[in-house]
Amino acid sequence: MKRSIKIAVAAAVALTATSAFATNGDHLIGMGAKARGMGGAAIGISHGAESALANPAMITSVKGTEVSFGGTVFMPDVEADIGYGSKKSDADLNVIPEVALASKLSDNIWLGVGMWGTAGMGTDYRDYATQMNMVTNLQLMQFGVPVAYKSNGFSIGVAPILQYGSLDINYVTPLGADSTTQGVAQDFGFGYNVGAAYEVDALTVGASYKSAIDMTYKGQLSEASSQFGINGGAGLSDHLEQPAEIGVGASYTMGGHTLAVDYKKIKWSDAKGYKDFGWDDQNVFIVGYQYAQDNWAVRLGYNHASNPIKEQSGANMMTPGDYDGAALNMLNLLGFPAIVEDHYTIGGTYAFSKLVSLDLAYVYTPSVTEEYDTSAMTQAMGGAATSSIKTKHSQDAASVQLNFNF
């Protein structure tokens, strides 16, 4: 049975052409076109069935049964220079699917189900020996069954989560050896999301918590870090844990105008694997605006979270820890450059009837450039054209979602 489930999930993930670049670390800034049109704001404002992962308590806005399905076309633009000229990653297009359903079962109880592509990252320099022919691909998909209860303006919800993940790392080492990571590794993990909300007049406040989900990608991180000489060649573990996340949000509606704000903290520094790679926690700040009329709405948003990948000391191979720091700087910026910070969004909805509506969203992420020290690694390899790696990264994304209400 587990093998059959894995094959089915792998087929769904195969819809993606390359790996995704999510925007808060390796997380998408929002699940669904409505949230993405408002910068990802979704903790203190309801977006119907698509609210299941952001705050499961918010599916209580569904009046009957709502079904939403669609996806996001992600277009990252990444290039890296390790001393032989800048080369562009070919991982520049990705399709991320999403399906969600929520139904009101009684005056107080709602039930939902959904499947979401939630996170991913990667690069593709397979045609460039000067970039170590590095190809990385992390993809995550979550299945959830949200259940919510509401009474007198107060709602609470929980969503058990089954997560599927795949990770593939391939490269040629600085010494010319092929990677020993042996192809794609896959795993399942379990977690949960919980949320609560309170509505009073035009004001809604909400809070949410997402548990960490531990994943093990056999022979990937351990082999890659070992071949790069990290930890004296002993390498790191194969655990890569999606971090815990806590958030609060609020929205206020007056006339057709709604203003929403969210704050989230993503705990990268406590997550297995990410903490070994030196990732820091992210404080995510979101502001979203919506103007809605009977059968249409427009949305704007802004999302900011600082770069979680912090430069590590890598200046001198004779200094303890500097070689590891230089190698991790190289792996982070060449293979997993989740360094973008600011995101500007626009979106809208048009209802064709009371039963059918269409949501659209566009996210623009301006370019950022980071240059980290790799001197200690260069020294150990007998010299190279440069003692640093420079990576440039920007993003564009378009989301579309079709909704049916019964």
Protein backbone atom coordinates (compact mmCIF):
# COMPACT_ATOMS: atom_id res chain seq x y z
CA MET A 1 0.00 0.00 0.00
CA LYS A 2 2.77 2.46 0.93
CA ARG A 3 4.49 1.77 -2.39
CA SER A 4 1.24 2.43 -4.28
CA ILE A 5 0.74 5.72 -2.46
CA LYS A 6 4.31 6.74 -3.20
CA ILE A 7 3.88 5.99 -6.92
CA ALA A 8 0.65 8.03 -7.04
CA VAL A 9 2.24 10.96 -5.27
CA ALA A 10 5.31 10.80 -7.46
CA ALA A 11 3.06 10.96 -10.52
CA ALA A 12 1.42 14.12 -9.16
CA VAL A 13 4.77 15.69 -8.39
CA ALA A 14 5.93 14.81 -11.90
CA LEU A 15 3.67 17.62 -13.12
CA THR A 16 6.52 19.91 -12.13
CA ALA A 17 9.12 20.41 -14.83
CA THR A 18 11.91 21.52 -12.52
CA SER A 19 12.28 22.37 -8.87
CA ALA A 20 10.41 25.28 -7.36
CA PHE A 21 11.88 28.32 -5.71
CA ALA A 22 9.56 29.18 -2.90
CA THR A 23 10.00 32.63 -1.50
CA ASN A 24 10.21 32.55 2.31
CA GLY A 25 13.21 30.24 2.53
CA ASP A 26 11.88 27.25 0.60
CA HIS A 27 8.21 27.94 1.45
CA LEU A 28 5.69 29.42 -0.95
CA ILE A 29 4.48 32.76 0.40
CA GLY A 30 0.85 31.60 0.27
CA MET A 31 -1.37 28.66 -0.56
CA GLY A 32 -3.90 29.67 -3.21
CA ALA A 33 -4.36 32.59 -5.59
CA LYS A 34 -6.38 34.73 -3.14
CA ALA A 35 -3.68 34.60 -0.47
CA ARG A 36 -0.88 35.09 -2.98
CA GLY A 37 -2.63 38.17 -4.37
CA MET A 38 -2.48 39.65 -0.84
CA GLY A 39 1.20 38.87 -0.25
CA GLY A 40 0.39 35.59 1.46
CA ALA A 41 -1.90 37.10 4.14
CA ALA A 42 -4.16 34.28 5.34
CA ILE A 43 -3.94 33.86 9.12
CA GLY A 44 -6.44 36.56 10.09
CA ILE A 45 -8.52 36.58 6.90
CA SER A 46 -10.48 33.73 5.33
CA HIS A 47 -10.01 32.62 1.75
CA GLY A 48 -12.46 29.73 1.92
CA ALA A 49 -11.28 26.21 1.11
CA GLU A 50 -7.74 27.38 0.34
CA SER A 51 -7.29 28.49 3.99
CA ALA A 52 -6.69 24.92 5.22
CA LEU A 53 -2.89 25.15 5.54
CA ALA A 54 -2.53 28.78 6.58
CA ASN A 55 -5.16 28.64 9.34
CA PRO A 56 -7.58 25.67 9.30
CA ALA A 57 -10.01 27.60 11.51
CA MET A 58 -10.67 29.90 8.54
CA ILE A 59 -12.48 27.30 6.41
CA THR A 60 -15.53 28.24 8.52
CA SER A 61 -16.32 31.03 6.04
CA VAL A 62 -17.58 28.39 3.57
CA LYS A 63 -21.38 28.54 3.46
CA GLY A 64 -22.01 25.17 1.79
CA THR A 65 -19.37 23.28 -0.15
CA GLU A 66 -16.46 24.93 -1.92
CA VAL A 67 -14.00 23.26 -4.28
CA SER A 68 -10.89 25.09 -5.51
CA PHE A 69 -8.25 23.85 -7.88
CA GLY A 70 -5.46 25.48 -9.80
CA GLY A 71 -1.77 26.08 -9.54
CA THR A 72 1.19 28.40 -9.82
CA VAL A 73 3.64 28.81 -12.67
CA PHE A 74 6.94 29.66 -11.01
CA MET A 75 9.71 31.36 -13.00
CA PRO A 76 12.92 31.82 -11.00
CA ASP A 77 15.95 33.49 -12.56
CA VAL A 78 19.17 32.34 -10.88
CA GLU A 79 22.78 32.65 -11.90
CA ALA A 80 26.04 31.87 -10.11
CA ASP A 81 29.71 32.71 -10.55
CA ILE A 82 32.42 30.73 -8.77
CA GLY A 83 35.29 32.35 -10.66
CA TYR A 84 34.84 31.34 -14.30
CA GLY A 85 32.04 33.67 -15.29
CA SER A 86 28.37 33.83 -14.35
CA LYS A 87 26.12 31.07 -15.66
CA LYS A 88 22.32 30.92 -15.55
CA SER A 89 20.51 27.97 -13.98
CA ASP A 90 18.21 26.10 -16.37
CA ALA A 91 15.74 25.43 -13.55
CA ASP A 92 13.63 28.39 -14.61
CA LEU A 93 10.07 27.03 -14.94
CA ASN A 94 7.92 25.06 -12.56
CA VAL A 95 4.21 24.22 -12.22
CA ILE A 96 2.93 23.78 -8.66
CA PRO A 97 -0.55 22.19 -8.29
CA GLU A 98 -3.20 22.81 -5.64
CA VAL A 99 -6.61 21.26 -4.91
CA ALA A 100 -8.79 22.07 -1.87
CA LEU A 101 -12.32 21.25 -0.71
CA ALA A 102 -14.23 22.42 2.35
CA SER A 103 -17.81 21.71 3.38
CA LYS A 104 -20.11 22.86 6.15
CA LEU A 105 -21.45 19.74 7.86
CA SER A 106 -23.61 21.44 10.50
CA ASP A 107 -24.13 24.81 12.14
CA ASN A 108 -20.83 24.41 13.98
CA ILE A 109 -18.62 21.91 12.11
CA TRP A 110 -16.66 22.09 8.84
CA LEU A 111 -14.58 19.43 7.14
CA GLY A 112 -12.10 19.69 4.27
CA VAL A 113 -9.45 17.86 2.27
CA GLY A 114 -6.71 19.08 0.03
CA MET A 115 -3.39 18.54 -1.76
CA TRP A 116 -0.87 21.34 -2.12
CA GLY A 117 2.60 21.80 -3.52
CA THR A 118 4.05 23.72 -0.59
CA ALA A 119 7.78 24.17 -1.03
CA GLY A 120 10.84 23.44 -3.10
CA MET A 121 14.11 24.76 -4.42
CA GLY A 122 16.92 23.81 -6.75
CA THR A 123 19.28 24.75 -9.56
CA ASP A 124 20.37 23.19 -12.84
CA TYR A 125 23.92 23.83 -14.04
CA ARG A 126 24.33 20.43 -15.71
CA ASP A 127 25.82 22.02 -18.85
CA TYR A 128 28.44 24.05 -16.97
CA ALA A 129 31.54 22.31 -15.65
CA THR A 130 32.63 25.64 -14.17
CA GLN A 131 29.58 25.43 -11.85
CA MET A 132 30.43 21.80 -10.91
CA ASN A 133 27.56 20.60 -13.14
CA MET A 134 25.44 21.09 -10.03
CA VAL A 135 21.81 19.95 -10.24
CA THR A 136 19.61 20.05 -7.14
CA ASN A 137 15.88 19.44 -6.80
CA LEU A 138 13.84 19.50 -3.59
CA GLN A 139 10.05 19.18 -3.88
CA LEU A 140 7.43 18.96 -1.14
CA MET A 141 3.74 18.18 -1.34
CA GLN A 142 1.28 18.10 1.56
CA PHE A 143 -2.05 16.32 1.96
CA GLY A 144 -4.34 17.63 4.70
CA VAL A 145 -7.78 16.99 6.17
CA PRO A 146 -8.81 20.17 8.06
CA VAL A 147 -11.59 20.00 10.66
CA ALA A 148 -12.99 23.19 12.19
CA TYR A 149 -15.52 24.20 14.85
CA LYS A 150 -17.17 27.62 15.17
CA SER A 151 -19.47 29.15 17.77
CA ASN A 152 -20.31 32.77 18.63
CA GLY A 153 -17.60 34.23 16.43
CA PHE A 154 -14.85 31.96 17.76
CA SER A 155 -13.45 29.19 15.57
CA ILE A 156 -10.76 26.58 16.01
CA GLY A 157 -9.36 24.13 13.49
CA VAL A 158 -6.81 21.36 13.08
CA ALA A 159 -5.38 19.77 9.93
CA PRO A 160 -3.41 16.52 10.16
CA ILE A 161 -0.72 16.62 7.45
CA LEU A 162 0.88 13.87 5.36
CA GLN A 163 3.94 15.26 3.59
CA TYR A 164 5.69 13.73 0.60
CA GLY A 165 9.18 14.92 -0.30
CA SER A 166 11.86 14.15 -2.86
CA LEU A 167 15.45 15.35 -2.98
CA ASP A 168 18.09 14.89 -5.66
CA ILE A 169 21.61 16.33 -5.58
CA ASN A 170 24.06 15.73 -8.45
CA TYR A 171 27.39 17.40 -9.20
CA VAL A 172 31.04 16.94 -10.05
CA THR A 173 33.32 17.73 -7.12
CA PRO A 174 36.09 20.34 -7.37
CA LEU A 175 38.50 17.41 -7.67
CA GLY A 176 36.60 15.98 -10.64
CA ALA A 177 34.78 13.09 -8.97
CA ASP A 178 31.13 12.34 -9.75
CA SER A 179 28.66 12.63 -6.90
CA THR A 180 27.81 9.46 -4.97
CA THR A 181 24.27 10.50 -4.08
CA GLN A 182 22.76 7.75 -6.29
CA GLY A 183 19.63 9.39 -7.61
CA VAL A 184 16.37 10.71 -6.18
CA ALA A 185 15.54 9.96 -2.53
CA GLN A 186 11.93 10.10 -1.28
CA ASP A 187 10.21 10.06 2.08
CA PHE A 188 6.90 10.60 3.87
CA GLY A 189 6.44 12.59 7.08
CA PHE A 190 3.57 13.46 9.37
CA GLY A 191 2.67 16.70 11.12
CA TYR A 192 -0.22 18.99 11.87
CA ASN A 193 -1.46 22.55 11.59
CA VAL A 194 -3.68 24.14 14.22
CA GLY A 195 -5.37 27.52 14.17
CA ALA A 196 -7.89 29.73 15.88
CA ALA A 197 -9.77 32.89 14.98
CA TYR A 198 -12.20 35.33 16.52
CA GLU A 199 -14.54 37.64 14.62
CA VAL A 200 -16.13 40.69 16.18
CA ASP A 201 -17.96 43.10 13.91
CA ALA A 202 -15.58 44.04 11.08
CA LEU A 203 -12.44 42.78 12.83
CA THR A 204 -10.99 39.27 12.61
CA VAL A 205 -7.90 38.09 14.48
CA GLY A 206 -6.22 34.72 14.06
CA ALA A 207 -3.28 32.60 15.18
CA SER A 208 -1.73 29.46 13.76
CA TYR A 209 0.96 26.88 14.49
CA LYS A 210 2.54 24.44 12.05
CA SER A 211 4.49 21.52 13.47
CA ALA A 212 7.93 20.54 12.22
CA ILE A 213 7.93 17.56 9.84
CA ASP A 214 11.08 15.44 9.80
CA MET A 215 12.13 13.90 6.48
CA THR A 216 15.05 11.58 5.67
CA TYR A 217 16.52 11.57 2.15
CA LYS A 218 18.78 8.54 2.17
CA GLY A 219 22.21 9.07 0.67
CA GLN A 220 21.65 12.70 -0.34
CA LEU A 221 22.85 15.23 2.24
CA SER A 222 25.22 12.74 3.87
CA GLU A 223 27.00 11.87 0.61
CA ALA A 224 27.06 15.43 -0.71
CA SER A 225 28.47 16.92 2.49
CA SER A 226 30.98 14.06 2.85
CA GLN A 227 32.31 14.51 -0.68
CA PHE A 228 32.67 18.23 -0.05
CA GLY A 229 34.84 17.34 2.97
CA ILE A 230 32.48 18.73 5.60
CA ASN A 231 32.99 17.58 9.18
CA GLY A 232 36.38 16.13 8.31
CA GLY A 233 34.82 14.05 5.55
CA ALA A 234 32.31 12.45 7.91
CA GLY A 235 29.56 14.64 6.44
CA LEU A 236 26.15 15.44 7.88
CA SER A 237 22.98 13.42 8.41
CA ASP A 238 20.30 12.81 5.78
CA HIS A 239 17.58 14.49 7.87
CA LEU A 240 15.98 17.59 6.37
CA GLU A 241 13.18 18.74 8.64
CA GLN A 242 10.61 21.24 7.44
CA PRO A 243 10.61 23.75 10.29
CA ALA A 244 7.93 24.63 12.79
CA GLU A 245 6.13 27.90 12.14
CA ILE A 246 4.06 30.19 14.37
CA GLY A 247 1.98 33.10 13.17
CA VAL A 248 -0.63 35.70 14.02
CA GLY A 249 -2.79 37.84 11.78
CA ALA A 250 -5.66 40.29 11.66
CA SER A 251 -7.97 41.86 9.10
CA TYR A 252 -10.43 44.73 9.17
CA THR A 253 -13.21 45.31 6.63
CA MET A 254 -15.00 48.60 6.03
CA GLY A 255 -17.30 48.94 3.07
CA GLY A 256 -15.66 46.97 0.28
CA HIS A 257 -12.16 47.58 1.64
CA THR A 258 -10.22 44.99 3.65
CA LEU A 259 -6.76 45.45 5.14
CA ALA A 260 -4.93 42.35 6.42
CA VAL A 261 -1.61 41.92 8.22
CA ASP A 262 0.25 38.73 9.14
CA TYR A 263 3.40 37.95 11.08
CA LYS A 264 5.08 34.54 10.93
CA LYS A 265 8.25 33.11 12.43
CA ILE A 266 9.81 30.18 10.55
CA LYS A 267 12.18 28.19 12.80
CA TRP A 268 14.93 27.19 10.37
CA SER A 269 17.60 27.29 13.09
CA ASP A 270 15.86 24.48 15.01
CA ALA A 271 15.18 22.26 11.98
CA LYS A 272 17.38 19.23 11.30
CA GLY A 273 19.49 19.72 8.21
CA TYR A 274 18.76 23.42 7.79
CA LYS A 275 20.51 24.26 11.08
CA ASP A 276 23.51 22.19 9.93
CA PHE A 277 23.63 24.33 6.79
CA GLY A 278 23.58 27.49 8.92
CA TRP A 279 20.08 28.75 8.15
CA ASP A 280 18.64 31.39 10.49
CA ASP A 281 15.02 31.89 11.58
CA GLN A 282 12.90 34.14 9.40
CA ASN A 283 10.52 36.83 10.61
CA VAL A 284 7.93 37.21 7.86
CA PHE A 285 5.92 40.44 7.61
CA ILE A 286 2.90 40.61 5.30
CA VAL A 287 0.49 43.39 4.39
CA GLY A 288 -2.46 42.71 2.09
CA TYR A 289 -5.32 44.80 0.71
CA GLN A 290 -8.57 43.77 -0.96
CA TYR A 291 -11.36 45.76 -2.55
CA ALA A 292 -14.43 43.61 -3.24
CA GLN A 293 -17.79 44.16 -4.89
CA ASP A 294 -20.63 41.73 -5.61
CA ASN A 295 -18.94 39.68 -8.31
CA TRP A 296 -15.34 40.90 -8.43
CA ALA A 297 -12.38 41.81 -6.24
CA VAL A 298 -8.88 43.23 -6.63
CA ARG A 299 -5.95 42.55 -4.30
CA LEU A 300 -2.50 43.93 -3.53
CA GLY A 301 0.17 42.70 -1.18
CA TYR A 302 3.71 42.93 0.12
CA ASN A 303 5.74 40.18 1.80
CA HIS A 304 9.17 40.57 3.40
CA ALA A 305 11.45 38.04 5.07
CA SER A 306 15.21 38.42 5.38
CA ASN A 307 17.57 35.95 3.70
CA PRO A 308 17.83 32.89 6.00
CA ILE A 309 21.16 31.72 4.53
CA LYS A 310 23.84 33.48 6.52
CA GLU A 311 27.43 33.63 5.37
CA GLN A 312 29.75 31.46 7.43
CA SER A 313 33.39 32.09 8.14
CA GLY A 314 35.43 30.52 5.38
CA ALA A 315 38.60 32.58 5.07
CA ASN A 316 41.44 30.27 6.14
CA MET A 317 41.68 26.48 5.89
CA MET A 318 44.07 26.48 8.88
CA THR A 319 41.36 27.99 11.12
CA PRO A 320 39.10 25.33 12.69
CA GLY A 321 35.68 25.41 11.12
CA ASP A 322 36.60 27.67 8.22
CA TYR A 323 36.82 24.87 5.65
CA ASP A 324 33.35 23.65 6.64
CA GLY A 325 32.08 27.22 6.48
CA ALA A 326 33.49 27.73 2.99
CA ALA A 327 32.03 24.42 1.73
CA LEU A 328 28.61 25.20 3.19
CA ASN A 329 28.71 28.66 1.61
CA MET A 330 29.37 26.97 -1.72
CA LEU A 331 26.60 24.36 -1.35
CA ASN A 332 24.04 26.89 -0.14
CA LEU A 333 24.54 29.48 -2.87
CA LEU A 334 25.22 27.06 -5.72
CA GLY A 335 22.58 24.42 -4.95
CA PHE A 336 19.97 25.98 -2.63
CA PRO A 337 20.03 29.79 -3.06
CA ALA A 338 16.80 30.73 -1.23
CA ILE A 339 18.05 34.29 -0.75
CA VAL A 340 15.19 36.50 -2.02
CA GLU A 341 13.53 38.85 0.47
CA ASP A 342 10.86 41.20 -0.92
CA HIS A 343 7.71 40.20 -2.82
CA TYR A 344 5.13 42.47 -4.46
CA THR A 345 1.80 40.94 -5.41
CA ILE A 346 -1.40 41.73 -7.27
CA GLY A 347 -4.49 39.63 -7.82
CA GLY A 348 -8.19 39.54 -8.42
CA THR A 349 -11.40 37.51 -8.57
CA TYR A 350 -14.23 37.46 -11.05
CA ALA A 351 -17.43 35.52 -10.29
CA PHE A 352 -19.15 34.27 -13.43
CA SER A 353 -22.13 33.23 -11.32
CA LYS A 354 -22.96 32.34 -7.73
CA LEU A 355 -21.49 28.91 -8.42
CA VAL A 356 -18.27 29.63 -10.35
CA SER A 357 -15.44 32.12 -9.84
CA LEU A 358 -11.88 32.59 -11.08
CA ASP A 359 -8.91 33.87 -9.04
CA LEU A 360 -5.68 35.25 -10.50
CA ALA A 361 -2.48 36.41 -8.83
CA TYR A 362 0.97 37.59 -9.87
CA VAL A 363 4.06 37.82 -7.67
CA TYR A 364 7.15 39.87 -8.53
CA THR A 365 10.32 39.30 -6.53
CA PRO A 366 13.13 41.74 -7.36
CA SER A 367 16.69 40.55 -7.82
CA VAL A 368 19.09 40.13 -4.92
CA THR A 369 22.79 39.25 -5.05
CA GLU A 370 24.87 37.55 -2.36
CA GLU A 371 28.62 36.87 -2.40
CA TYR A 372 30.05 34.50 0.22
CA ASP A 373 33.63 33.58 1.11
CA THR A 374 34.95 30.22 -0.11
CA SER A 375 38.66 30.96 0.42
CA ALA A 376 39.33 27.99 2.71
CA MET A 377 37.85 25.58 0.18
CA THR A 378 39.86 27.20 -2.62
CA GLN A 379 43.06 26.82 -0.59
CA ALA A 380 42.34 23.16 0.10
CA MET A 381 41.78 22.47 -3.60
CA GLY A 382 45.09 24.07 -4.58
CA GLY A 383 43.75 27.40 -5.81
CA ALA A 384 41.07 28.51 -8.25
CA ALA A 385 39.97 31.57 -10.16
CA THR A 386 38.18 33.09 -7.20
CA SER A 387 37.82 32.81 -3.44
CA SER A 388 34.08 33.46 -3.35
CA ILE A 389 30.75 32.45 -4.87
CA LYS A 390 28.35 35.11 -6.13
CA THR A 391 24.69 34.25 -6.74
CA LYS A 392 21.94 36.43 -8.22
CA HIS A 393 18.27 35.49 -7.83
CA SER A 394 14.90 36.97 -8.84
CA GLN A 395 11.43 35.49 -9.36
CA ASP A 396 8.16 35.88 -11.22
CA ALA A 397 5.09 33.76 -10.56
CA ALA A 398 1.53 33.59 -11.85
CA SER A 399 -1.32 31.74 -10.11
CA VAL A 400 -4.75 30.76 -11.37
CA GLN A 401 -7.54 29.10 -9.42
CA LEU A 402 -11.07 28.01 -10.32
CA ASN A 403 -13.67 27.82 -7.54
CA PHE A 404 -17.02 26.05 -7.38
CA ASN A 405 -19.56 26.78 -4.64
CA PHE A 406 -22.57 24.58 -3.98
